[in-house]
Amino acid sequence: MLHCILGSIFASCSLTFELSKLKDPEYFMKVKSLLLIKTSSLCSRFRENVWLCVSATFVVLWIIAWLYRDSLEIENMNEKYVFVTGCDTGFGNLLCKKLDRKGFRVLAGCLTEKGADDLKRATGPYLKTVLLDVTNQDSIEKAMEWTKKEVGDTGLWGIVNNAGRSLPMGPSEWMKVEDFHSTLKVNMNGVIGMTMTFLPLIKKAHGRIVNVASVLGRVAANGGGYCISKFAVESFSDCLRRDISYFGINVCIIEPGFFKTAVTSLDPLERELHRLWNQLSPEVQASYGDKYLDKYIKIQRLIMNAICDSDLTKVTNCMEHALTAAYPRTRYSAGWDAKFLWIPLSYMPSCVVDIGLKLVLPRPSKSV
């Protein structure tokens, strides 16, 4: 009954709430008054159940307070420094441009000189770039020393560990140990290395650590090092958050769904699958069957084309909120597939996930 009342309250409200306007006292009071009026009106129909009305009013007030608190932003953004990794393309590149327009002093770590030059041409004078390879601790140390000179006594307000890779990805039996290591080196070791090296600068500013994980850090949907690395990012971030929260440092986790970036580009994914298949022994290939690879690639194409979102701002908006909100969230799920498929699936019993994936993926010819 309670959910029916709440549904009626919001369905009957002609006002469209804009979070960005909730900081305006007049707009906030308007929203509050409207919701209370609607709640009072509906409660008059349920006088026989006073506690139901009280509960509905309490929930509505809690929602208003949460929306208002979530919309509050930090001050003096133009005095704060943010370091972002993986800025050549994709989420990192777009985030740097957004933060630059917002007034932050952006320090962008790029893997290539071309990526750094292209980003500098597309942004203002306050954005600076540095060449960075997160798999190389010497490169990380040099970037930290450069950053220390840039920020001075201010410290580093935020670090966004965005750099990552997905390849190779496929059935676990097709992988060699080196295939796992190549992904873990970037997605796990890179995040840990960057975070621990830059932590003193973050601690000085009582800032933010934003780690980009994935919905595949909640549901292990395929083999290879990618899911393993993203589960590691989730657990590392949780441990770190609990350890350093005493110093006024927030650790936020971004969990994007499937988006059209270099990580989900079909051509490289399919090339890697062919490479993995060709390195298998004849016995292993025979256990899967001649048609397995083609079926696997076909299903992968269907899934990627169906759920990959081209709107990268859904992810960068989460990153931006984690850096600019006065009260950032612990986790951000970006994308409709994340919110309505992968995250709910992560709370299901393992047998449900196992059955679902078996129904989607092809069956080896010699399965029992």
Protein backbone atom coordinates (compact mmCIF):
# COMPACT_ATOMS: atom_id res chain seq x y z
CA MET A 1 0.00 0.00 0.00
CA LEU A 2 2.83 2.39 0.84
CA HIS A 3 4.41 2.08 -2.58
CA CYS A 4 1.02 2.81 -4.18
CA ILE A 5 0.76 6.06 -2.21
CA LEU A 6 4.29 7.13 -3.12
CA GLY A 7 3.67 6.27 -6.76
CA SER A 8 0.53 8.41 -6.74
CA ILE A 9 2.40 11.31 -5.16
CA PHE A 10 5.07 11.47 -7.85
CA ALA A 11 2.72 10.60 -10.72
CA SER A 12 0.37 13.43 -9.75
CA CYS A 13 3.16 16.03 -9.49
CA SER A 14 3.27 18.18 -12.61
CA LEU A 15 6.65 19.60 -11.52
CA THR A 16 9.80 18.15 -13.10
CA PHE A 17 12.55 18.15 -10.51
CA GLU A 18 15.92 19.51 -11.62
CA LEU A 19 18.69 18.52 -9.21
CA SER A 20 20.86 21.43 -10.23
CA LYS A 21 18.14 23.87 -9.07
CA LEU A 22 17.67 22.33 -5.64
CA LYS A 23 20.46 24.55 -4.30
CA ASP A 24 18.13 27.52 -4.93
CA PRO A 25 16.22 28.01 -1.62
CA GLU A 26 13.06 29.21 -3.41
CA TYR A 27 13.03 26.22 -5.78
CA PHE A 28 13.72 23.82 -2.90
CA MET A 29 10.79 25.22 -0.88
CA LYS A 30 8.56 24.97 -3.95
CA VAL A 31 9.41 21.29 -4.38
CA LYS A 32 8.99 20.60 -0.67
CA SER A 33 5.62 22.37 -0.50
CA LEU A 34 4.27 20.60 -3.56
CA LEU A 35 5.23 17.15 -2.31
CA LEU A 36 3.82 17.82 1.15
CA ILE A 37 0.55 19.07 -0.35
CA LYS A 38 0.24 15.97 -2.51
CA THR A 39 1.10 13.74 0.44
CA SER A 40 -1.46 15.48 2.66
CA SER A 41 -4.11 15.16 -0.03
CA LEU A 42 -3.54 11.46 -0.44
CA CYS A 43 -3.34 10.87 3.30
CA SER A 44 -6.85 12.30 3.69
CA ARG A 45 -8.07 9.29 1.71
CA PHE A 46 -6.41 6.90 4.14
CA ARG A 47 -7.43 8.35 7.50
CA GLU A 48 -8.16 4.88 8.80
CA ASN A 49 -4.43 4.14 8.69
CA VAL A 50 -2.58 7.02 10.33
CA TRP A 51 0.76 5.24 10.44
CA LEU A 52 0.65 4.66 6.70
CA CYS A 53 0.27 8.39 6.12
CA VAL A 54 3.04 9.21 8.59
CA SER A 55 5.35 6.72 6.88
CA ALA A 56 4.58 8.15 3.44
CA THR A 57 5.30 11.68 4.65
CA PHE A 58 8.55 10.60 6.27
CA VAL A 59 9.73 8.83 3.09
CA VAL A 60 8.89 11.86 0.93
CA LEU A 61 10.78 14.19 3.28
CA TRP A 62 13.74 11.80 3.27
CA ILE A 63 13.78 11.78 -0.55
CA ILE A 64 13.69 15.60 -0.64
CA ALA A 65 16.55 15.82 1.86
CA TRP A 66 18.61 13.25 -0.07
CA LEU A 67 18.09 15.01 -3.41
CA TYR A 68 19.07 18.34 -1.90
CA ARG A 69 22.15 16.93 -0.18
CA ASP A 70 23.20 15.10 -3.35
CA SER A 71 23.00 18.34 -5.36
CA LEU A 72 25.35 20.36 -3.13
CA GLU A 73 28.74 21.16 -4.68
CA ILE A 74 32.16 22.09 -3.37
CA GLU A 75 33.45 25.66 -3.66
CA ASN A 76 36.55 27.16 -5.30
CA MET A 77 36.84 24.58 -8.08
CA ASN A 78 39.24 26.85 -9.95
CA GLU A 79 41.77 26.37 -7.14
CA LYS A 80 41.63 22.56 -7.14
CA TYR A 81 43.87 20.15 -9.04
CA VAL A 82 42.64 16.85 -10.48
CA PHE A 83 44.84 14.16 -12.05
CA VAL A 84 43.20 11.85 -14.62
CA THR A 85 44.79 8.76 -16.18
CA GLY A 86 44.02 7.29 -19.59
CA CYS A 87 43.22 10.60 -21.27
CA ASP A 88 44.16 9.81 -24.88
CA THR A 89 40.60 8.75 -25.77
CA GLY A 90 37.29 7.68 -24.27
CA PHE A 91 36.05 8.53 -20.79
CA GLY A 92 39.30 10.13 -19.61
CA ASN A 93 39.54 12.43 -22.62
CA LEU A 94 35.94 13.57 -22.28
CA LEU A 95 36.24 14.03 -18.51
CA CYS A 96 39.30 16.28 -18.88
CA LYS A 97 37.40 18.55 -21.25
CA LYS A 98 34.41 18.73 -18.89
CA LEU A 99 36.56 19.50 -15.84
CA ASP A 100 38.53 22.10 -17.80
CA ARG A 101 35.31 23.90 -18.73
CA LYS A 102 34.21 23.75 -15.09
CA GLY A 103 37.37 25.56 -13.96
CA PHE A 104 39.46 22.77 -12.45
CA ARG A 105 43.24 22.69 -12.85
CA VAL A 106 43.38 19.44 -14.83
CA LEU A 107 46.51 17.28 -14.96
CA ALA A 108 46.04 14.70 -17.71
CA GLY A 109 48.10 11.53 -17.94
CA CYS A 110 48.37 10.37 -21.57
CA LEU A 111 50.04 7.25 -22.92
CA THR A 112 51.08 8.84 -26.24
CA GLU A 113 52.39 12.22 -27.35
CA LYS A 114 49.68 12.41 -30.01
CA GLY A 115 46.97 11.91 -27.38
CA ALA A 116 48.52 14.63 -25.21
CA ASP A 117 48.85 17.09 -28.12
CA ASP A 118 45.28 16.51 -29.31
CA LEU A 119 43.92 17.06 -25.80
CA LYS A 120 45.91 20.27 -25.27
CA ARG A 121 44.60 21.69 -28.55
CA ALA A 122 41.01 20.98 -27.49
CA THR A 123 41.24 22.59 -24.03
CA GLY A 124 42.24 25.77 -22.23
CA PRO A 125 45.59 26.94 -20.85
CA TYR A 126 45.00 25.53 -17.36
CA LEU A 127 44.97 21.90 -18.54
CA LYS A 128 48.41 20.31 -18.57
CA THR A 129 49.49 16.91 -19.80
CA VAL A 130 52.18 14.42 -18.85
CA LEU A 131 53.19 11.16 -20.51
CA LEU A 132 52.24 8.27 -18.26
CA ASP A 133 52.40 4.48 -18.46
CA VAL A 134 50.55 3.09 -15.44
CA THR A 135 52.25 -0.30 -15.88
CA ASN A 136 55.65 1.29 -15.22
CA GLN A 137 56.36 2.37 -11.64
CA ASP A 138 59.19 4.67 -12.78
CA SER A 139 56.71 6.46 -15.06
CA ILE A 140 54.28 6.79 -12.15
CA GLU A 141 57.01 8.21 -9.87
CA LYS A 142 58.02 10.78 -12.51
CA ALA A 143 54.39 11.82 -12.96
CA MET A 144 54.03 12.22 -9.19
CA GLU A 145 57.14 14.44 -8.95
CA TRP A 146 55.83 16.55 -11.83
CA THR A 147 52.44 16.79 -10.13
CA LYS A 148 54.02 17.78 -6.81
CA LYS A 149 55.67 20.76 -8.52
CA GLU A 150 52.40 21.74 -10.20
CA VAL A 151 50.19 21.64 -7.10
CA GLY A 152 52.70 23.03 -4.58
CA ASP A 153 51.35 23.22 -1.05
CA THR A 154 47.75 22.95 -2.27
CA GLY A 155 47.81 19.20 -2.61
CA LEU A 156 45.84 17.15 -5.10
CA TRP A 157 42.05 17.38 -4.82
CA GLY A 158 41.31 14.33 -6.93
CA ILE A 159 42.77 11.44 -8.84
CA VAL A 160 40.70 9.52 -11.38
CA ASN A 161 42.13 6.07 -12.14
CA ASN A 162 40.55 5.65 -15.54
CA ALA A 163 43.28 3.94 -17.60
CA GLY A 164 42.38 0.37 -18.49
CA ARG A 165 42.31 -2.40 -21.06
CA SER A 166 40.00 -5.31 -21.81
CA LEU A 167 42.04 -7.56 -24.11
CA PRO A 168 42.38 -10.44 -24.27
CA MET A 169 38.86 -11.52 -23.35
CA GLY A 170 37.29 -14.92 -24.03
CA PRO A 171 36.90 -18.43 -22.58
CA SER A 172 39.32 -18.92 -19.69
CA GLU A 173 40.76 -22.15 -21.08
CA TRP A 174 41.95 -20.27 -24.17
CA MET A 175 44.18 -17.98 -22.10
CA LYS A 176 47.82 -18.29 -21.20
CA VAL A 177 49.10 -16.97 -17.87
CA GLU A 178 50.66 -14.01 -19.71
CA ASP A 179 47.22 -13.06 -21.06
CA PHE A 180 45.90 -12.64 -17.51
CA HIS A 181 48.98 -10.72 -16.42
CA SER A 182 48.79 -8.21 -19.29
CA THR A 183 45.32 -7.07 -18.21
CA LEU A 184 45.97 -7.19 -14.46
CA LYS A 185 49.10 -5.11 -14.93
CA VAL A 186 47.03 -2.17 -16.20
CA ASN A 187 43.65 -2.54 -14.51
CA MET A 188 44.76 -3.70 -11.07
CA ASN A 189 48.45 -2.95 -10.54
CA GLY A 190 48.12 0.38 -12.34
CA VAL A 191 45.27 1.51 -10.08
CA ILE A 192 47.08 0.42 -6.92
CA GLY A 193 50.39 1.94 -8.04
CA MET A 194 48.85 5.30 -8.94
CA THR A 195 46.74 5.47 -5.78
CA MET A 196 49.47 4.60 -3.31
CA THR A 197 52.04 6.86 -5.01
CA PHE A 198 49.74 9.89 -5.14
CA LEU A 199 48.07 9.29 -1.75
CA PRO A 200 50.27 11.80 0.18
CA LEU A 201 49.17 14.58 -2.19
CA ILE A 202 45.51 13.54 -1.86
CA LYS A 203 45.82 13.40 1.92
CA LYS A 204 47.19 16.93 2.02
CA ALA A 205 44.08 18.27 0.24
CA HIS A 206 41.59 15.92 1.99
CA GLY A 207 40.55 15.03 -1.54
CA ARG A 208 38.94 12.32 -3.64
CA ILE A 209 40.07 9.03 -5.16
CA VAL A 210 37.84 7.95 -8.04
CA ASN A 211 38.47 4.42 -9.31
CA VAL A 212 36.86 3.21 -12.51
CA ALA A 213 35.72 -0.39 -12.08
CA SER A 214 32.92 -1.94 -14.16
CA VAL A 215 29.66 -3.85 -13.88
CA LEU A 216 31.90 -6.81 -14.71
CA GLY A 217 33.46 -6.18 -11.31
CA ARG A 218 30.07 -7.20 -9.90
CA VAL A 219 29.17 -10.03 -12.30
CA ALA A 220 31.89 -12.19 -13.88
CA ALA A 221 30.38 -12.65 -17.33
CA ASN A 222 33.43 -13.71 -19.33
CA GLY A 223 36.92 -15.15 -19.02
CA GLY A 224 40.29 -13.47 -19.12
CA GLY A 225 41.81 -10.92 -16.80
CA TYR A 226 39.22 -8.15 -17.20
CA CYS A 227 36.59 -9.34 -14.72
CA ILE A 228 39.28 -10.43 -12.28
CA SER A 229 40.91 -7.00 -12.42
CA LYS A 230 37.64 -5.14 -11.93
CA PHE A 231 36.68 -7.28 -8.93
CA ALA A 232 40.10 -6.37 -7.55
CA VAL A 233 39.45 -2.65 -8.08
CA GLU A 234 36.15 -2.98 -6.20
CA SER A 235 37.72 -4.70 -3.19
CA PHE A 236 40.81 -2.46 -3.15
CA SER A 237 38.58 0.63 -3.19
CA ASP A 238 36.38 -0.67 -0.37
CA CYS A 239 39.38 -1.51 1.83
CA LEU A 240 41.04 1.82 1.07
CA ARG A 241 37.88 3.82 1.78
CA ARG A 242 37.50 2.27 5.21
CA ASP A 243 41.16 2.73 6.04
CA ILE A 244 41.58 6.41 5.08
CA SER A 245 38.12 7.87 5.73
CA TYR A 246 39.47 9.24 9.03
CA PHE A 247 41.55 11.76 7.09
CA GLY A 248 38.65 13.32 5.19
CA ILE A 249 39.38 11.40 1.98
CA ASN A 250 36.52 10.00 -0.11
CA VAL A 251 36.99 6.91 -2.28
CA CYS A 252 34.39 6.55 -5.04
CA ILE A 253 33.83 3.64 -7.42
CA ILE A 254 32.48 4.13 -10.95
CA GLU A 255 30.74 1.05 -12.36
CA PRO A 256 29.99 1.68 -16.05
CA GLY A 257 27.86 -0.66 -18.09
CA PHE A 258 28.71 -1.32 -21.72
CA PHE A 259 29.67 1.79 -23.71
CA LYS A 260 31.12 2.32 -27.18
CA THR A 261 34.79 2.91 -26.41
CA ALA A 262 38.09 1.34 -27.41
CA VAL A 263 37.52 -1.26 -24.67
CA THR A 264 34.39 -2.60 -26.42
CA SER A 265 35.50 -2.13 -30.04
CA LEU A 266 34.53 -5.30 -31.92
CA ASP A 267 37.46 -5.53 -34.36
CA PRO A 268 40.19 -5.83 -31.69
CA LEU A 269 38.02 -8.19 -29.62
CA GLU A 270 37.50 -10.50 -32.60
CA ARG A 271 41.15 -10.39 -33.64
CA GLU A 272 42.14 -11.46 -30.13
CA LEU A 273 39.61 -14.30 -30.16
CA HIS A 274 41.09 -15.58 -33.42
CA ARG A 275 44.60 -15.32 -31.94
CA LEU A 276 43.57 -17.22 -28.84
CA TRP A 277 41.85 -19.90 -30.90
CA ASN A 278 44.82 -20.37 -33.19
CA GLN A 279 47.20 -20.94 -30.28
CA LEU A 280 45.08 -23.77 -28.85
CA SER A 281 46.15 -27.36 -29.25
CA PRO A 282 44.17 -29.53 -31.72
CA GLU A 283 42.73 -31.47 -28.77
CA VAL A 284 41.31 -28.34 -27.11
CA GLN A 285 39.94 -27.03 -30.41
CA ALA A 286 38.24 -30.38 -31.03
CA SER A 287 36.56 -30.24 -27.60
CA TYR A 288 34.87 -26.97 -28.56
CA GLY A 289 34.15 -27.83 -32.20
CA ASP A 290 34.88 -26.13 -35.51
CA LYS A 291 31.82 -23.86 -35.33
CA TYR A 292 32.26 -22.68 -31.74
CA LEU A 293 34.44 -19.65 -32.53
CA ASP A 294 32.06 -18.33 -35.20
CA LYS A 295 29.06 -18.79 -32.89
CA TYR A 296 30.89 -17.04 -30.04
CA ILE A 297 31.80 -14.06 -32.23
CA LYS A 298 28.25 -13.83 -33.60
CA ILE A 299 26.73 -13.76 -30.11
CA GLN A 300 29.32 -11.23 -28.96
CA ARG A 301 28.38 -8.93 -31.85
CA LEU A 302 24.67 -9.22 -31.04
CA ILE A 303 25.24 -8.40 -27.37
CA MET A 304 27.60 -5.48 -28.02
CA ASN A 305 25.36 -3.95 -30.69
CA ALA A 306 22.30 -4.35 -28.47
CA ILE A 307 23.55 -2.91 -25.18
CA CYS A 308 26.58 -0.69 -25.92
CA ASP A 309 25.63 2.95 -25.26
CA SER A 310 27.23 5.72 -27.32
CA ASP A 311 26.52 8.44 -24.73
CA LEU A 312 29.77 8.55 -22.78
CA THR A 313 28.54 11.50 -20.69
CA LYS A 314 26.52 9.05 -18.58
CA VAL A 315 29.86 7.87 -17.21
CA THR A 316 31.71 11.18 -17.11
CA ASN A 317 28.77 12.80 -15.30
CA CYS A 318 29.26 10.24 -12.53
CA MET A 319 32.98 10.97 -12.40
CA GLU A 320 32.28 14.70 -12.30
CA HIS A 321 29.78 14.30 -9.46
CA ALA A 322 32.31 12.25 -7.48
CA LEU A 323 34.77 15.14 -7.77
CA THR A 324 32.44 18.11 -7.35
CA ALA A 325 29.73 16.95 -4.93
CA ALA A 326 29.98 18.08 -1.34
CA TYR A 327 28.80 14.59 -0.38
CA PRO A 328 29.91 12.13 -3.08
CA ARG A 329 28.41 8.67 -3.34
CA THR A 330 30.39 5.53 -2.67
CA ARG A 331 29.29 3.83 -5.91
CA TYR A 332 28.02 5.13 -9.23
CA SER A 333 26.30 2.82 -11.71
CA ALA A 334 26.44 4.37 -15.18
CA GLY A 335 24.14 3.24 -17.99
CA TRP A 336 20.72 1.63 -18.16
CA ASP A 337 22.19 -1.86 -18.56
CA ALA A 338 24.17 -1.33 -15.36
CA LYS A 339 21.15 -0.17 -13.36
CA PHE A 340 18.55 -2.63 -14.64
CA LEU A 341 20.55 -5.70 -15.69
CA TRP A 342 24.04 -6.14 -14.26
CA ILE A 343 23.67 -4.64 -10.77
CA PRO A 344 20.37 -6.46 -10.04
CA LEU A 345 21.95 -9.63 -11.47
CA SER A 346 24.83 -9.29 -9.01
CA TYR A 347 22.38 -9.81 -6.12
CA MET A 348 20.94 -12.98 -7.65
CA PRO A 349 22.02 -16.47 -6.55
CA SER A 350 25.05 -17.72 -8.47
CA CYS A 351 23.00 -20.52 -10.02
CA VAL A 352 20.70 -17.96 -11.67
CA VAL A 353 23.67 -16.13 -13.24
CA ASP A 354 25.21 -19.45 -14.33
CA ILE A 355 22.01 -20.59 -16.03
CA GLY A 356 21.51 -17.21 -17.71
CA LEU A 357 25.00 -17.19 -19.20
CA LYS A 358 24.68 -20.82 -20.34
CA LEU A 359 21.50 -19.91 -22.21
CA VAL A 360 23.26 -17.04 -24.00
CA LEU A 361 26.70 -18.47 -24.80
CA PRO A 362 27.31 -21.30 -27.31
CA ARG A 363 27.75 -24.86 -26.08
CA PRO A 364 31.00 -26.74 -26.84
CA SER A 365 30.50 -29.73 -29.11
CA LYS A 366 31.92 -32.22 -26.58
CA SER A 367 30.14 -30.84 -23.51
CA VAL A 368 28.70 -33.40 -21.11
